[in-house]
Amino acid sequence: MDAGRQPTLHEIEDRFVAIVEGRLTRDEVDRWAGRWVTDDGLDWDDVSWWALSLLHGIDLPAGESGGYLHDDEQVSEWLAELRKRRTM
């Protein structure tokens, strides 16, 4: 992906897949998404914004337990929901 070009929905989906498969860390994906969420000069479709907003914050801790606020099962459910929304 070109750093100067807004990511496509496919590229956003790939970040969900990368987390589920363990290819990228949650921290890496959060920082990537944060770069795009905070860019006020971009125009997003509803599905892309929904998915990107979920990725930004994907690394939030659940507390002292050491886990994440959004566990792996929830991330997989979000990926399934994203794929469903893409077909609508």
C-alpha atoms as a PDB file:
ATOM      1  CA  MET A   1       0.000   0.000   0.000  1.00  0.00           C
ATOM      2  CA  ASP A   2       1.243   3.473  -0.910  1.00  0.00           C
ATOM      3  CA  ALA A   3       1.792   5.527   2.264  1.00  0.00           C
ATOM      4  CA  GLY A   4       0.204   8.585   0.646  1.00  0.00           C
ATOM      5  CA  ARG A   5      -2.937   6.810  -0.512  1.00  0.00           C
ATOM      6  CA  GLN A   6      -5.972   6.056   1.599  1.00  0.00           C
ATOM      7  CA  PRO A   7      -6.293   2.293   2.237  1.00  0.00           C
ATOM      8  CA  THR A   8      -8.974   0.320   0.462  1.00  0.00           C
ATOM      9  CA  LEU A   9     -11.554  -1.798   2.253  1.00  0.00           C
ATOM     10  CA  HIS A  10      -9.578  -4.853   1.154  1.00  0.00           C
ATOM     11  CA  GLU A  11      -6.462  -3.474   2.851  1.00  0.00           C
ATOM     12  CA  ILE A  12      -8.434  -2.737   6.002  1.00  0.00           C
ATOM     13  CA  GLU A  13      -9.801  -6.302   5.984  1.00  0.00           C
ATOM     14  CA  ASP A  14      -6.267  -7.616   5.549  1.00  0.00           C
ATOM     15  CA  ARG A  15      -5.312  -6.006   8.882  1.00  0.00           C
ATOM     16  CA  PHE A  16      -8.040  -8.022  10.624  1.00  0.00           C
ATOM     17  CA  VAL A  17      -6.760 -11.178   8.937  1.00  0.00           C
ATOM     18  CA  ALA A  18      -3.169 -10.345   9.917  1.00  0.00           C
ATOM     19  CA  ILE A  19      -4.172 -10.083  13.590  1.00  0.00           C
ATOM     20  CA  VAL A  20      -6.156 -13.328  13.491  1.00  0.00           C
ATOM     21  CA  GLU A  21      -3.265 -15.141  11.777  1.00  0.00           C
ATOM     22  CA  GLY A  22      -0.636 -13.568  14.036  1.00  0.00           C
ATOM     23  CA  ARG A  23       1.226 -11.844  11.183  1.00  0.00           C
ATOM     24  CA  LEU A  24       0.875  -8.416  12.810  1.00  0.00           C
ATOM     25  CA  THR A  25       0.589  -7.408  16.439  1.00  0.00           C
ATOM     26  CA  ARG A  26      -2.388  -5.534  17.782  1.00  0.00           C
ATOM     27  CA  ASP A  27      -0.094  -2.606  18.536  1.00  0.00           C
ATOM     28  CA  GLU A  28       1.094  -2.453  14.920  1.00  0.00           C
ATOM     29  CA  VAL A  29      -2.461  -2.515  13.593  1.00  0.00           C
ATOM     30  CA  ASP A  30      -3.667   0.064  16.117  1.00  0.00           C
ATOM     31  CA  ARG A  31      -0.922   2.490  15.086  1.00  0.00           C
ATOM     32  CA  TRP A  32      -1.628   1.863  11.397  1.00  0.00           C
ATOM     33  CA  ALA A  33      -5.358   2.497  11.873  1.00  0.00           C
ATOM     34  CA  GLY A  34      -4.727   5.533  14.070  1.00  0.00           C
ATOM     35  CA  ARG A  35      -2.820   7.195  11.261  1.00  0.00           C
ATOM     36  CA  TRP A  36      -5.898   6.978   9.038  1.00  0.00           C
ATOM     37  CA  VAL A  37      -8.573   7.691  11.653  1.00  0.00           C
ATOM     38  CA  THR A  38      -6.922  10.957  12.627  1.00  0.00           C
ATOM     39  CA  ASP A  39      -6.521  12.232   9.061  1.00  0.00           C
ATOM     40  CA  ASP A  40      -9.407  14.691   8.719  1.00  0.00           C
ATOM     41  CA  GLY A  41      -8.780  15.160   5.006  1.00  0.00           C
ATOM     42  CA  LEU A  42     -10.081  11.735   4.015  1.00  0.00           C
ATOM     43  CA  ASP A  43     -13.572  10.638   3.037  1.00  0.00           C
ATOM     44  CA  TRP A  44     -14.640   7.136   4.083  1.00  0.00           C
ATOM     45  CA  ASP A  45     -17.572   4.939   3.144  1.00  0.00           C
ATOM     46  CA  ASP A  46     -19.584   3.633   6.114  1.00  0.00           C
ATOM     47  CA  VAL A  47     -18.162   0.094   6.102  1.00  0.00           C
ATOM     48  CA  SER A  48     -14.548   1.235   5.857  1.00  0.00           C
ATOM     49  CA  TRP A  49     -15.003   3.762   8.670  1.00  0.00           C
ATOM     50  CA  TRP A  50     -16.733   1.169  10.875  1.00  0.00           C
ATOM     51  CA  ALA A  51     -13.918  -1.354  10.362  1.00  0.00           C
ATOM     52  CA  LEU A  52     -11.109   1.176  10.700  1.00  0.00           C
ATOM     53  CA  SER A  53     -12.631   2.493  13.915  1.00  0.00           C
ATOM     54  CA  LEU A  54     -12.600  -1.025  15.366  1.00  0.00           C
ATOM     55  CA  LEU A  55      -8.945  -1.472  14.470  1.00  0.00           C
ATOM     56  CA  HIS A  56      -8.031   1.794  16.144  1.00  0.00           C
ATOM     57  CA  GLY A  57      -8.050   0.683  19.763  1.00  0.00           C
ATOM     58  CA  ILE A  58      -7.678  -3.035  19.051  1.00  0.00           C
ATOM     59  CA  ASP A  59      -4.772  -3.132  21.504  1.00  0.00           C
ATOM     60  CA  LEU A  60      -6.630  -1.709  24.526  1.00  0.00           C
ATOM     61  CA  PRO A  61      -5.830  -3.718  27.667  1.00  0.00           C
ATOM     62  CA  ALA A  62      -8.640  -5.344  29.635  1.00  0.00           C
ATOM     63  CA  GLY A  63      -6.994  -4.356  32.892  1.00  0.00           C
ATOM     64  CA  GLU A  64      -4.455  -5.964  35.118  1.00  0.00           C
ATOM     65  CA  SER A  65      -5.260  -9.425  33.728  1.00  0.00           C
ATOM     66  CA  GLY A  66      -2.901  -8.827  30.818  1.00  0.00           C
ATOM     67  CA  GLY A  67      -5.532  -9.611  28.202  1.00  0.00           C
ATOM     68  CA  TYR A  68      -7.193  -7.331  25.701  1.00  0.00           C
ATOM     69  CA  LEU A  69     -10.485  -5.509  26.041  1.00  0.00           C
ATOM     70  CA  HIS A  70     -11.533  -7.170  22.766  1.00  0.00           C
ATOM     71  CA  ASP A  71     -10.441 -10.814  22.784  1.00  0.00           C
ATOM     72  CA  ASP A  72      -9.411 -12.933  19.792  1.00  0.00           C
ATOM     73  CA  GLU A  73     -12.913 -14.346  19.426  1.00  0.00           C
ATOM     74  CA  GLN A  74     -14.386 -10.873  19.144  1.00  0.00           C
ATOM     75  CA  VAL A  75     -11.783  -9.879  16.550  1.00  0.00           C
ATOM     76  CA  SER A  76     -12.714 -12.957  14.505  1.00  0.00           C
ATOM     77  CA  GLU A  77     -16.396 -12.014  14.817  1.00  0.00           C
ATOM     78  CA  TRP A  78     -15.615  -8.492  13.591  1.00  0.00           C
ATOM     79  CA  LEU A  79     -13.792  -9.976  10.600  1.00  0.00           C
ATOM     80  CA  ALA A  80     -16.815 -12.144   9.793  1.00  0.00           C
ATOM     81  CA  GLU A  81     -19.111  -9.123  10.142  1.00  0.00           C
ATOM     82  CA  LEU A  82     -16.867  -7.074   7.864  1.00  0.00           C
ATOM     83  CA  ARG A  83     -16.995  -9.777   5.212  1.00  0.00           C
ATOM     84  CA  LYS A  84     -20.786  -9.907   5.539  1.00  0.00           C
ATOM     85  CA  ARG A  85     -21.099  -6.124   5.206  1.00  0.00           C
ATOM     86  CA  ARG A  86     -18.876  -6.152   2.116  1.00  0.00           C
ATOM     87  CA  THR A  87     -21.401  -8.354   0.309  1.00  0.00           C
ATOM     88  CA  MET A  88     -24.400  -6.111   1.044  1.00  0.00           C
END
